[in-house]
Amino acid sequence: MANVEIYTKATCPYCHRAKALLAQKGVAFQEIPVDGDANKREEMIKRSGRTTVPQIFIDAQHIGGCDDLYALDSREGLDPLLK
C-alpha cells in the first residue's frame, strides 16, 4: 500500500474534498495539520514549493493540491500510484 501524506487545514474545503477522494478509494493516509504550526507549514513549503493546502504526497512524490489529485484520478493515473 502506498504511503500517502496530506498537509491540511481544518477549515479548508479542498482538503476535505481531497481526503474524501482518498477515503473513497479506501486509502489510509497520514494527515499533517498545519493550522497554527509554523514548523509543519515550513516543512510543507520546503517539500512542495507551494504555500497552499492541501499538498499531497504519494510515496514521497509530490502530487500537488486537490485539483491536481482529481485531475490525476480522471486520467486514471491515481490508482496505479496507490497500489
C-alpha atoms as a PDB file:
ATOM      1  CA  MET A   1       0.000   0.000   0.000  1.00  0.00           C
ATOM      2  CA  ALA A   2       1.288   3.449  -0.885  1.00  0.00           C
ATOM      3  CA  ASN A   3       2.382   5.902   1.781  1.00  0.00           C
ATOM      4  CA  VAL A   4       0.060   8.888   1.366  1.00  0.00           C
ATOM      5  CA  GLU A   5       0.671  12.155   3.218  1.00  0.00           C
ATOM      6  CA  ILE A   6      -1.609  15.165   3.035  1.00  0.00           C
ATOM      7  CA  TYR A   7      -0.930  18.578   4.567  1.00  0.00           C
ATOM      8  CA  THR A   8      -4.227  20.148   5.611  1.00  0.00           C
ATOM      9  CA  LYS A   9      -6.036  22.901   7.469  1.00  0.00           C
ATOM     10  CA  ALA A  10      -9.260  22.180   9.358  1.00  0.00           C
ATOM     11  CA  THR A  11     -11.204  24.958   7.592  1.00  0.00           C
ATOM     12  CA  CYS A  12     -10.060  24.108   4.054  1.00  0.00           C
ATOM     13  CA  PRO A  13     -12.842  22.760   1.781  1.00  0.00           C
ATOM     14  CA  TYR A  14     -10.266  21.494  -0.753  1.00  0.00           C
ATOM     15  CA  CYS A  15      -8.612  19.460   1.997  1.00  0.00           C
ATOM     16  CA  HIS A  16     -11.962  17.827   2.773  1.00  0.00           C
ATOM     17  CA  ARG A  17     -12.535  17.044  -0.928  1.00  0.00           C
ATOM     18  CA  ALA A  18      -9.065  15.534  -1.322  1.00  0.00           C
ATOM     19  CA  LYS A  19      -9.487  13.408   1.820  1.00  0.00           C
ATOM     20  CA  ALA A  20     -12.931  12.300   0.610  1.00  0.00           C
ATOM     21  CA  LEU A  21     -11.462  11.054  -2.689  1.00  0.00           C
ATOM     22  CA  LEU A  22      -8.711   9.152  -0.885  1.00  0.00           C
ATOM     23  CA  ALA A  23     -11.217   7.684   1.582  1.00  0.00           C
ATOM     24  CA  GLN A  24     -13.487   6.665  -1.296  1.00  0.00           C
ATOM     25  CA  LYS A  25     -10.526   4.753  -2.750  1.00  0.00           C
ATOM     26  CA  GLY A  26     -10.057   3.018   0.596  1.00  0.00           C
ATOM     27  CA  VAL A  27      -6.601   4.527   1.082  1.00  0.00           C
ATOM     28  CA  ALA A  28      -5.149   5.135   4.512  1.00  0.00           C
ATOM     29  CA  PHE A  29      -3.353   8.466   4.647  1.00  0.00           C
ATOM     30  CA  GLN A  30      -1.330  10.440   7.150  1.00  0.00           C
ATOM     31  CA  GLU A  31      -2.917  13.814   7.703  1.00  0.00           C
ATOM     32  CA  ILE A  32      -0.455  16.547   8.680  1.00  0.00           C
ATOM     33  CA  PRO A  33      -2.381  19.575  10.007  1.00  0.00           C
ATOM     34  CA  VAL A  34      -0.549  22.877   9.508  1.00  0.00           C
ATOM     35  CA  ASP A  35      -3.069  25.090  11.358  1.00  0.00           C
ATOM     36  CA  GLY A  36      -1.063  27.259  13.735  1.00  0.00           C
ATOM     37  CA  ASP A  37       2.031  25.057  13.274  1.00  0.00           C
ATOM     38  CA  ALA A  38       4.706  27.169  11.607  1.00  0.00           C
ATOM     39  CA  ASN A  39       7.207  24.290  11.550  1.00  0.00           C
ATOM     40  CA  LYS A  40       4.855  21.911   9.734  1.00  0.00           C
ATOM     41  CA  ARG A  41       3.900  24.692   7.314  1.00  0.00           C
ATOM     42  CA  GLU A  42       7.595  25.384   6.594  1.00  0.00           C
ATOM     43  CA  GLU A  43       8.177  21.668   6.055  1.00  0.00           C
ATOM     44  CA  MET A  44       5.267  21.550   3.586  1.00  0.00           C
ATOM     45  CA  ILE A  45       6.563  24.589   1.662  1.00  0.00           C
ATOM     46  CA  LYS A  46      10.099  23.133   1.504  1.00  0.00           C
ATOM     47  CA  ARG A  47       8.784  19.809   0.216  1.00  0.00           C
ATOM     48  CA  SER A  48       6.191  21.129  -2.247  1.00  0.00           C
ATOM     49  CA  GLY A  49       7.367  24.609  -3.187  1.00  0.00           C
ATOM     50  CA  ARG A  50       3.780  25.742  -2.569  1.00  0.00           C
ATOM     51  CA  THR A  51       2.119  27.679   0.231  1.00  0.00           C
ATOM     52  CA  THR A  52      -1.468  26.454  -0.223  1.00  0.00           C
ATOM     53  CA  VAL A  53      -3.195  23.427   1.274  1.00  0.00           C
ATOM     54  CA  PRO A  54      -3.774  20.651   0.681  1.00  0.00           C
ATOM     55  CA  GLN A  55      -0.404  19.381  -0.512  1.00  0.00           C
ATOM     56  CA  ILE A  56      -0.454  15.694  -1.269  1.00  0.00           C
ATOM     57  CA  PHE A  57       2.451  13.277  -1.454  1.00  0.00           C
ATOM     58  CA  ILE A  58       2.282   9.624  -2.524  1.00  0.00           C
ATOM     59  CA  ASP A  59       5.403   7.623  -1.658  1.00  0.00           C
ATOM     60  CA  ALA A  60       7.234  10.946  -1.162  1.00  0.00           C
ATOM     61  CA  GLN A  61       6.317  12.058  -4.717  1.00  0.00           C
ATOM     62  CA  HIS A  62       4.612  15.455  -4.760  1.00  0.00           C
ATOM     63  CA  ILE A  63       1.181  15.172  -6.400  1.00  0.00           C
ATOM     64  CA  GLY A  64       0.019  18.732  -5.735  1.00  0.00           C
ATOM     65  CA  GLY A  65      -3.263  20.030  -4.403  1.00  0.00           C
ATOM     66  CA  CYS A  66      -6.882  18.906  -4.561  1.00  0.00           C
ATOM     67  CA  ASP A  67      -7.408  19.815  -8.240  1.00  0.00           C
ATOM     68  CA  ASP A  68      -4.176  18.014  -9.154  1.00  0.00           C
ATOM     69  CA  LEU A  69      -5.355  14.904  -7.290  1.00  0.00           C
ATOM     70  CA  TYR A  70      -8.735  14.888  -9.075  1.00  0.00           C
ATOM     71  CA  ALA A  71      -7.068  15.546 -12.463  1.00  0.00           C
ATOM     72  CA  LEU A  72      -4.688  12.643 -11.874  1.00  0.00           C
ATOM     73  CA  ASP A  73      -7.641  10.430 -10.986  1.00  0.00           C
ATOM     74  CA  SER A  74      -9.651  11.495 -14.060  1.00  0.00           C
ATOM     75  CA  ARG A  75      -6.807  10.439 -16.353  1.00  0.00           C
ATOM     76  CA  GLU A  76      -6.542   7.151 -14.420  1.00  0.00           C
ATOM     77  CA  GLY A  77      -3.112   7.972 -13.033  1.00  0.00           C
ATOM     78  CA  LEU A  78      -4.036   7.848  -9.358  1.00  0.00           C
ATOM     79  CA  ASP A  79      -4.938   4.179  -8.826  1.00  0.00           C
ATOM     80  CA  PRO A  80      -1.565   2.812 -10.046  1.00  0.00           C
ATOM     81  CA  LEU A  81       0.239   5.136  -7.600  1.00  0.00           C
ATOM     82  CA  LEU A  82      -1.936   3.932  -4.721  1.00  0.00           C
ATOM     83  CA  LYS A  83      -1.247   0.233  -5.272  1.00  0.00           C
END
